[in-house]
Amino acid sequence: MTRTGTVEDARLRVEVVLGGTELTIGELSEVGRGSIIALESIAGEPVELRAGGRTVARGEVVVIDENFGIRVTELAARTGAHS
């Protein structure tokens, strides 16, 4: 059997986390179109790039054509410990 791919070719979903907050179940049940939810992060703070639930980098939001992107400004420390 011939293998053409390597582990580096595997695809992994990544996400960018802008911020977070806590809501009660009652507050969450009232969320609807047009609702505004304040985040605990401050405007201009770095966003987190996460893969597999772990932060791998931080960066700033940029606009590329009509899409959002992230400019990496800092790589997370690589340790054997899970965060």
PDB file of N, CA and C in Angstrom:
ATOM      1  N   MET A   1       0.844  -1.167   0.000  1.00  0.00           N
ATOM      2  CA  MET A   1       0.000   0.000   0.000  1.00  0.00           C
ATOM      3  C   MET A   1       0.893   1.235   0.000  1.00  0.00           C
ATOM      4  N   THR A   2       0.601   2.181  -0.871  1.00  0.00           N
ATOM      5  CA  THR A   2       1.376   3.411  -0.974  1.00  0.00           C
ATOM      6  C   THR A   2       0.670   4.530  -0.219  1.00  0.00           C
ATOM      7  N   ARG A   3       1.432   5.221   0.620  1.00  0.00           N
ATOM      8  CA  ARG A   3       0.870   6.349   1.367  1.00  0.00           C
ATOM      9  C   ARG A   3       1.399   7.640   0.753  1.00  0.00           C
ATOM     10  N   THR A   4       0.483   8.509   0.357  1.00  0.00           N
ATOM     11  CA  THR A   4       0.907   9.755  -0.268  1.00  0.00           C
ATOM     12  C   THR A   4       0.898  10.923   0.709  1.00  0.00           C
ATOM     13  N   GLY A   5       0.094  10.857   1.746  1.00  0.00           N
ATOM     14  CA  GLY A   5      -0.022  11.962   2.691  1.00  0.00           C
ATOM     15  C   GLY A   5       0.801  11.723   3.940  1.00  0.00           C
ATOM     16  N   THR A   6       1.041  12.796   4.648  1.00  0.00           N
ATOM     17  CA  THR A   6       1.715  12.723   5.939  1.00  0.00           C
ATOM     18  C   THR A   6       0.812  13.357   6.980  1.00  0.00           C
ATOM     19  N   VAL A   7       1.201  13.245   8.217  1.00  0.00           N
ATOM     20  CA  VAL A   7       0.404  13.837   9.283  1.00  0.00           C
ATOM     21  C   VAL A   7       0.280  15.348   9.096  1.00  0.00           C
ATOM     22  N   GLU A   8       1.287  15.961   8.490  1.00  0.00           N
ATOM     23  CA  GLU A   8       1.225  17.398   8.235  1.00  0.00           C
ATOM     24  C   GLU A   8       0.149  17.760   7.223  1.00  0.00           C
ATOM     25  N   ASP A   9      -0.321  16.795   6.441  1.00  0.00           N
ATOM     26  CA  ASP A   9      -1.372  17.041   5.466  1.00  0.00           C
ATOM     27  C   ASP A   9      -2.771  16.932   6.068  1.00  0.00           C
ATOM     28  N   ALA A  10      -2.869  16.448   7.304  1.00  0.00           N
ATOM     29  CA  ALA A  10      -4.176  16.290   7.946  1.00  0.00           C
ATOM     30  C   ALA A  10      -4.799  17.668   8.193  1.00  0.00           C
ATOM     31  N   ARG A  11      -6.103  17.758   7.988  1.00  0.00           N
ATOM     32  CA  ARG A  11      -6.805  19.022   8.180  1.00  0.00           C
ATOM     33  C   ARG A  11      -7.353  19.089   9.601  1.00  0.00           C
ATOM     34  N   LEU A  12      -7.267  20.265  10.204  1.00  0.00           N
ATOM     35  CA  LEU A  12      -7.714  20.485  11.581  1.00  0.00           C
ATOM     36  C   LEU A  12      -8.507  21.773  11.625  1.00  0.00           C
ATOM     37  N   ARG A  13      -9.680  21.728  12.205  1.00  0.00           N
ATOM     38  CA  ARG A  13     -10.517  22.930  12.318  1.00  0.00           C
ATOM     39  C   ARG A  13      -9.916  23.852  13.370  1.00  0.00           C
ATOM     40  N   VAL A  14      -9.735  25.115  13.033  1.00  0.00           N
ATOM     41  CA  VAL A  14      -9.259  26.109  13.991  1.00  0.00           C
ATOM     42  C   VAL A  14     -10.342  27.164  14.165  1.00  0.00           C
ATOM     43  N   GLU A  15     -10.328  27.826  15.288  1.00  0.00           N
ATOM     44  CA  GLU A  15     -11.308  28.874  15.559  1.00  0.00           C
ATOM     45  C   GLU A  15     -10.611  30.064  16.187  1.00  0.00           C
ATOM     46  N   VAL A  16     -11.178  31.237  15.975  1.00  0.00           N
ATOM     47  CA  VAL A  16     -10.665  32.458  16.572  1.00  0.00           C
ATOM     48  C   VAL A  16     -11.657  32.892  17.633  1.00  0.00           C
ATOM     49  N   VAL A  17     -11.159  33.095  18.849  1.00  0.00           N
ATOM     50  CA  VAL A  17     -12.017  33.462  19.967  1.00  0.00           C
ATOM     51  C   VAL A  17     -11.824  34.945  20.261  1.00  0.00           C
ATOM     52  N   LEU A  18     -12.890  35.691  20.102  1.00  0.00           N
ATOM     53  CA  LEU A  18     -12.873  37.130  20.310  1.00  0.00           C
ATOM     54  C   LEU A  18     -12.991  37.474  21.793  1.00  0.00           C
ATOM     55  N   GLY A  19     -13.772  36.725  22.519  1.00  0.00           N
ATOM     56  CA  GLY A  19     -13.971  36.983  23.945  1.00  0.00           C
ATOM     57  C   GLY A  19     -15.068  36.090  24.475  1.00  0.00           C
ATOM     58  N   GLY A  20     -15.435  36.306  25.694  1.00  0.00           N
ATOM     59  CA  GLY A  20     -16.479  35.496  26.300  1.00  0.00           C
ATOM     60  C   GLY A  20     -17.152  36.242  27.434  1.00  0.00           C
ATOM     61  N   THR A  21     -18.199  35.672  27.927  1.00  0.00           N
ATOM     62  CA  THR A  21     -18.923  36.220  29.063  1.00  0.00           C
ATOM     63  C   THR A  21     -19.756  35.103  29.667  1.00  0.00           C
ATOM     64  N   GLU A  22     -20.384  35.370  30.770  1.00  0.00           N
ATOM     65  CA  GLU A  22     -21.287  34.403  31.393  1.00  0.00           C
ATOM     66  C   GLU A  22     -22.700  34.952  31.370  1.00  0.00           C
ATOM     67  N   LEU A  23     -23.648  34.093  31.030  1.00  0.00           N
ATOM     68  CA  LEU A  23     -25.063  34.437  31.036  1.00  0.00           C
ATOM     69  C   LEU A  23     -25.801  33.427  31.887  1.00  0.00           C
ATOM     70  N   THR A  24     -26.884  33.872  32.496  1.00  0.00           N
ATOM     71  CA  THR A  24     -27.752  32.905  33.169  1.00  0.00           C
ATOM     72  C   THR A  24     -28.537  32.170  32.091  1.00  0.00           C
ATOM     73  N   ILE A  25     -29.122  31.062  32.444  1.00  0.00           N
ATOM     74  CA  ILE A  25     -29.953  30.333  31.487  1.00  0.00           C
ATOM     75  C   ILE A  25     -31.121  31.202  31.053  1.00  0.00           C
ATOM     76  N   GLY A  26     -31.663  31.981  31.974  1.00  0.00           N
ATOM     77  CA  GLY A  26     -32.760  32.886  31.639  1.00  0.00           C
ATOM     78  C   GLY A  26     -32.331  33.935  30.628  1.00  0.00           C
ATOM     79  N   GLU A  27     -31.148  34.519  30.831  1.00  0.00           N
ATOM     80  CA  GLU A  27     -30.632  35.513  29.884  1.00  0.00           C
ATOM     81  C   GLU A  27     -30.408  34.891  28.506  1.00  0.00           C
ATOM     82  N   LEU A  28     -29.838  33.695  28.495  1.00  0.00           N
ATOM     83  CA  LEU A  28     -29.588  33.004  27.235  1.00  0.00           C
ATOM     84  C   LEU A  28     -30.888  32.697  26.499  1.00  0.00           C
ATOM     85  N   SER A  29     -31.925  32.335  27.240  1.00  0.00           N
ATOM     86  CA  SER A  29     -33.203  32.007  26.604  1.00  0.00           C
ATOM     87  C   SER A  29     -33.862  33.240  25.987  1.00  0.00           C
ATOM     88  N   GLU A  30     -33.449  34.445  26.411  1.00  0.00           N
ATOM     89  CA  GLU A  30     -34.017  35.677  25.871  1.00  0.00           C
ATOM     90  C   GLU A  30     -33.225  36.226  24.681  1.00  0.00           C
ATOM     91  N   VAL A  31     -32.114  35.582  24.328  1.00  0.00           N
ATOM     92  CA  VAL A  31     -31.302  36.059  23.204  1.00  0.00           C
ATOM     93  C   VAL A  31     -32.058  35.828  21.905  1.00  0.00           C
ATOM     94  N   GLY A  32     -32.088  36.861  21.099  1.00  0.00           N
ATOM     95  CA  GLY A  32     -32.763  36.763  19.812  1.00  0.00           C
ATOM     96  C   GLY A  32     -32.089  37.661  18.794  1.00  0.00           C
ATOM     97  N   ARG A  33     -32.628  37.678  17.604  1.00  0.00           N
ATOM     98  CA  ARG A  33     -32.080  38.513  16.534  1.00  0.00           C
ATOM     99  C   ARG A  33     -32.011  39.959  17.009  1.00  0.00           C
ATOM    100  N   GLY A  34     -30.844  40.572  16.869  1.00  0.00           N
ATOM    101  CA  GLY A  34     -30.644  41.950  17.294  1.00  0.00           C
ATOM    102  C   GLY A  34     -30.141  42.098  18.714  1.00  0.00           C
ATOM    103  N   SER A  35     -30.086  40.991  19.472  1.00  0.00           N
ATOM    104  CA  SER A  35     -29.567  41.060  20.841  1.00  0.00           C
ATOM    105  C   SER A  35     -28.090  41.436  20.809  1.00  0.00           C
ATOM    106  N   ILE A  36     -27.664  42.184  21.800  1.00  0.00           N
ATOM    107  CA  ILE A  36     -26.253  42.530  21.945  1.00  0.00           C
ATOM    108  C   ILE A  36     -25.764  41.923  23.248  1.00  0.00           C
ATOM    109  N   ILE A  37     -24.675  41.169  23.161  1.00  0.00           N
ATOM    110  CA  ILE A  37     -24.099  40.518  24.336  1.00  0.00           C
ATOM    111  C   ILE A  37     -22.718  41.118  24.552  1.00  0.00           C
ATOM    112  N   ALA A  38     -22.527  41.777  25.684  1.00  0.00           N
ATOM    113  CA  ALA A  38     -21.235  42.391  25.998  1.00  0.00           C
ATOM    114  C   ALA A  38     -20.230  41.301  26.372  1.00  0.00           C
ATOM    115  N   LEU A  39     -19.031  41.405  25.824  1.00  0.00           N
ATOM    116  CA  LEU A  39     -17.969  40.451  26.127  1.00  0.00           C
ATOM    117  C   LEU A  39     -17.054  41.019  27.201  1.00  0.00           C
ATOM    118  N   GLU A  40     -16.356  40.141  27.891  1.00  0.00           N
ATOM    119  CA  GLU A  40     -15.450  40.563  28.950  1.00  0.00           C
ATOM    120  C   GLU A  40     -14.128  41.096  28.407  1.00  0.00           C
ATOM    121  N   SER A  41     -13.875  40.906  27.110  1.00  0.00           N
ATOM    122  CA  SER A  41     -12.622  41.391  26.537  1.00  0.00           C
ATOM    123  C   SER A  41     -12.773  42.864  26.149  1.00  0.00           C
ATOM    124  N   ILE A  42     -11.660  43.555  26.076  1.00  0.00           N
ATOM    125  CA  ILE A  42     -11.629  44.970  25.744  1.00  0.00           C
ATOM    126  C   ILE A  42     -11.329  45.108  24.254  1.00  0.00           C
ATOM    127  N   ALA A  43     -11.990  46.047  23.603  1.00  0.00           N
ATOM    128  CA  ALA A  43     -11.740  46.288  22.180  1.00  0.00           C
ATOM    129  C   ALA A  43     -10.255  46.539  21.966  1.00  0.00           C
ATOM    130  N   GLY A  44      -9.691  45.918  20.956  1.00  0.00           N
ATOM    131  CA  GLY A  44      -8.273  46.071  20.661  1.00  0.00           C
ATOM    132  C   GLY A  44      -7.393  45.014  21.301  1.00  0.00           C
ATOM    133  N   GLU A  45      -7.942  44.219  22.237  1.00  0.00           N
ATOM    134  CA  GLU A  45      -7.162  43.119  22.831  1.00  0.00           C
ATOM    135  C   GLU A  45      -6.938  42.049  21.780  1.00  0.00           C
ATOM    136  N   PRO A  46      -5.835  41.307  21.905  1.00  0.00           N
ATOM    137  CA  PRO A  46      -5.596  40.215  20.951  1.00  0.00           C
ATOM    138  C   PRO A  46      -6.696  39.154  21.035  1.00  0.00           C
ATOM    139  N   VAL A  47      -6.985  38.534  19.900  1.00  0.00           N
ATOM    140  CA  VAL A  47      -7.895  37.397  19.853  1.00  0.00           C
ATOM    141  C   VAL A  47      -7.058  36.128  19.947  1.00  0.00           C
ATOM    142  N   GLU A  48      -7.687  35.023  20.307  1.00  0.00           N
ATOM    143  CA  GLU A  48      -6.975  33.749  20.438  1.00  0.00           C
ATOM    144  C   GLU A  48      -7.279  32.853  19.253  1.00  0.00           C
ATOM    145  N   LEU A  49      -6.251  32.234  18.706  1.00  0.00           N
ATOM    146  CA  LEU A  49      -6.394  31.219  17.672  1.00  0.00           C
ATOM    147  C   LEU A  49      -6.300  29.876  18.373  1.00  0.00           C
ATOM    148  N   ARG A  50      -7.354  29.075  18.280  1.00  0.00           N
ATOM    149  CA  ARG A  50      -7.391  27.783  18.973  1.00  0.00           C
ATOM    150  C   ARG A  50      -7.514  26.641  17.983  1.00  0.00           C
ATOM    151  N   ALA A  51      -6.849  25.552  18.318  1.00  0.00           N
ATOM    152  CA  ALA A  51      -6.935  24.313  17.542  1.00  0.00           C
ATOM    153  C   ALA A  51      -7.074  23.184  18.545  1.00  0.00           C
ATOM    154  N   GLY A  52      -8.055  22.337  18.355  1.00  0.00           N
ATOM    155  CA  GLY A  52      -8.270  21.237  19.290  1.00  0.00           C
ATOM    156  C   GLY A  52      -8.553  21.721  20.701  1.00  0.00           C
ATOM    157  N   GLY A  53      -9.170  22.899  20.835  1.00  0.00           N
ATOM    158  CA  GLY A  53      -9.497  23.430  22.148  1.00  0.00           C
ATOM    159  C   GLY A  53      -8.338  24.097  22.872  1.00  0.00           C
ATOM    160  N   ARG A  54      -7.179  24.155  22.243  1.00  0.00           N
ATOM    161  CA  ARG A  54      -5.988  24.744  22.873  1.00  0.00           C
ATOM    162  C   ARG A  54      -5.579  26.016  22.139  1.00  0.00           C
ATOM    163  N   THR A  55      -5.177  27.024  22.887  1.00  0.00           N
ATOM    164  CA  THR A  55      -4.694  28.254  22.278  1.00  0.00           C
ATOM    165  C   THR A  55      -3.316  27.995  21.688  1.00  0.00           C
ATOM    166  N   VAL A  56      -3.163  28.274  20.393  1.00  0.00           N
ATOM    167  CA  VAL A  56      -1.876  28.068  19.723  1.00  0.00           C
ATOM    168  C   VAL A  56      -1.208  29.389  19.351  1.00  0.00           C
ATOM    169  N   ALA A  57      -2.018  30.464  19.291  1.00  0.00           N
ATOM    170  CA  ALA A  57      -1.455  31.769  18.947  1.00  0.00           C
ATOM    171  C   ALA A  57      -2.436  32.858  19.344  1.00  0.00           C
ATOM    172  N   ARG A  58      -1.947  34.084  19.339  1.00  0.00           N
ATOM    173  CA  ARG A  58      -2.782  35.258  19.546  1.00  0.00           C
ATOM    174  C   ARG A  58      -2.514  36.223  18.403  1.00  0.00           C
ATOM    175  N   GLY A  59      -3.477  37.064  18.116  1.00  0.00           N
ATOM    176  CA  GLY A  59      -3.276  37.992  17.021  1.00  0.00           C
ATOM    177  C   GLY A  59      -4.328  39.063  16.978  1.00  0.00           C
ATOM    178  N   GLU A  60      -4.319  39.810  15.881  1.00  0.00           N
ATOM    179  CA  GLU A  60      -5.273  40.896  15.710  1.00  0.00           C
ATOM    180  C   GLU A  60      -6.140  40.621  14.492  1.00  0.00           C
ATOM    181  N   VAL A  61      -7.369  41.074  14.574  1.00  0.00           N
ATOM    182  CA  VAL A  61      -8.311  40.871  13.481  1.00  0.00           C
ATOM    183  C   VAL A  61      -7.963  41.820  12.344  1.00  0.00           C
ATOM    184  N   VAL A  62      -7.972  41.285  11.124  1.00  0.00           N
ATOM    185  CA  VAL A  62      -7.734  42.079   9.921  1.00  0.00           C
ATOM    186  C   VAL A  62      -8.842  41.765   8.914  1.00  0.00           C
ATOM    187  N   VAL A  63      -9.017  42.648   7.959  1.00  0.00           N
ATOM    188  CA  VAL A  63      -9.978  42.420   6.879  1.00  0.00           C
ATOM    189  C   VAL A  63      -9.188  42.139   5.608  1.00  0.00           C
ATOM    190  N   ILE A  64      -9.519  41.004   4.965  1.00  0.00           N
ATOM    191  CA  ILE A  64      -8.876  40.586   3.724  1.00  0.00           C
ATOM    192  C   ILE A  64      -9.979  40.524   2.674  1.00  0.00           C
ATOM    193  N   ASP A  65      -9.943  41.471   1.729  1.00  0.00           N
ATOM    194  CA  ASP A  65     -11.039  41.639   0.774  1.00  0.00           C
ATOM    195  C   ASP A  65     -12.316  41.870   1.579  1.00  0.00           C
ATOM    196  N   GLU A  66     -13.257  40.940   1.522  1.00  0.00           N
ATOM    197  CA  GLU A  66     -14.498  41.099   2.287  1.00  0.00           C
ATOM    198  C   GLU A  66     -14.583  40.116   3.447  1.00  0.00           C
ATOM    199  N   ASN A  67     -13.484  39.457   3.767  1.00  0.00           N
ATOM    200  CA  ASN A  67     -13.472  38.459   4.834  1.00  0.00           C
ATOM    201  C   ASN A  67     -12.631  38.925   6.007  1.00  0.00           C
ATOM    202  N   PHE A  68     -12.930  38.389   7.173  1.00  0.00           N
ATOM    203  CA  PHE A  68     -12.095  38.628   8.345  1.00  0.00           C
ATOM    204  C   PHE A  68     -10.956  37.627   8.362  1.00  0.00           C
ATOM    205  N   GLY A  69      -9.841  38.019   8.927  1.00  0.00           N
ATOM    206  CA  GLY A  69      -8.699  37.141   9.102  1.00  0.00           C
ATOM    207  C   GLY A  69      -8.024  37.481  10.415  1.00  0.00           C
ATOM    208  N   ILE A  70      -6.907  36.836  10.684  1.00  0.00           N
ATOM    209  CA  ILE A  70      -6.141  37.115  11.900  1.00  0.00           C
ATOM    210  C   ILE A  70      -4.671  37.246  11.520  1.00  0.00           C
ATOM    211  N   ARG A  71      -4.035  38.302  12.010  1.00  0.00           N
ATOM    212  CA  ARG A  71      -2.593  38.485  11.847  1.00  0.00           C
ATOM    213  C   ARG A  71      -1.963  37.987  13.150  1.00  0.00           C
ATOM    214  N   VAL A  72      -1.187  36.938  13.063  1.00  0.00           N
ATOM    215  CA  VAL A  72      -0.571  36.344  14.258  1.00  0.00           C
ATOM    216  C   VAL A  72       0.494  37.288  14.796  1.00  0.00           C
ATOM    217  N   THR A  73       0.383  37.597  16.078  1.00  0.00           N
ATOM    218  CA  THR A  73       1.354  38.478  16.737  1.00  0.00           C
ATOM    219  C   THR A  73       2.157  37.766  17.806  1.00  0.00           C
ATOM    220  N   GLU A  74       1.661  36.596  18.228  1.00  0.00           N
ATOM    221  CA  GLU A  74       2.338  35.866  19.308  1.00  0.00           C
ATOM    222  C   GLU A  74       1.973  34.384  19.229  1.00  0.00           C
ATOM    223  N   LEU A  75       2.966  33.534  19.327  1.00  0.00           N
ATOM    224  CA  LEU A  75       2.709  32.092  19.409  1.00  0.00           C
ATOM    225  C   LEU A  75       2.615  31.693  20.864  1.00  0.00           C
ATOM    226  N   ALA A  76       1.686  30.807  21.170  1.00  0.00           N
ATOM    227  CA  ALA A  76       1.543  30.309  22.540  1.00  0.00           C
ATOM    228  C   ALA A  76       2.721  29.401  22.873  1.00  0.00           C
ATOM    229  N   ALA A  77       3.057  29.367  24.139  1.00  0.00           N
ATOM    230  CA  ALA A  77       4.149  28.500  24.588  1.00  0.00           C
ATOM    231  C   ALA A  77       3.766  27.050  24.296  1.00  0.00           C
ATOM    232  N   ARG A  78       4.727  26.308  23.773  1.00  0.00           N
ATOM    233  CA  ARG A  78       4.473  24.892  23.476  1.00  0.00           C
ATOM    234  C   ARG A  78       4.992  24.058  24.626  1.00  0.00           C
ATOM    235  N   THR A  79       4.053  23.505  25.383  1.00  0.00           N
ATOM    236  CA  THR A  79       4.415  22.652  26.515  1.00  0.00           C
ATOM    237  C   THR A  79       3.686  21.341  26.367  1.00  0.00           C
ATOM    238  N   GLY A  80       4.086  20.375  27.135  1.00  0.00           N
ATOM    239  CA  GLY A  80       3.429  19.085  27.125  1.00  0.00           C
ATOM    240  C   GLY A  80       2.142  19.095  27.910  1.00  0.00           C
ATOM    241  N   ALA A  81       1.915  20.129  28.712  1.00  0.00           N
ATOM    242  CA  ALA A  81       0.706  20.207  29.540  1.00  0.00           C
ATOM    243  C   ALA A  81      -0.480  20.652  28.699  1.00  0.00           C
ATOM    244  N   HIS A  82      -1.652  20.118  28.995  1.00  0.00           N
ATOM    245  CA  HIS A  82      -2.881  20.514  28.314  1.00  0.00           C
ATOM    246  C   HIS A  82      -3.453  21.727  29.024  1.00  0.00           C
ATOM    247  N   SER A  83      -3.973  22.688  28.219  1.00  0.00           N
ATOM    248  CA  SER A  83      -4.610  23.856  28.834  1.00  0.00           C
ATOM    249  C   SER A  83      -6.086  23.840  28.679  1.00  0.00           C
TER     250      SER A  83
END
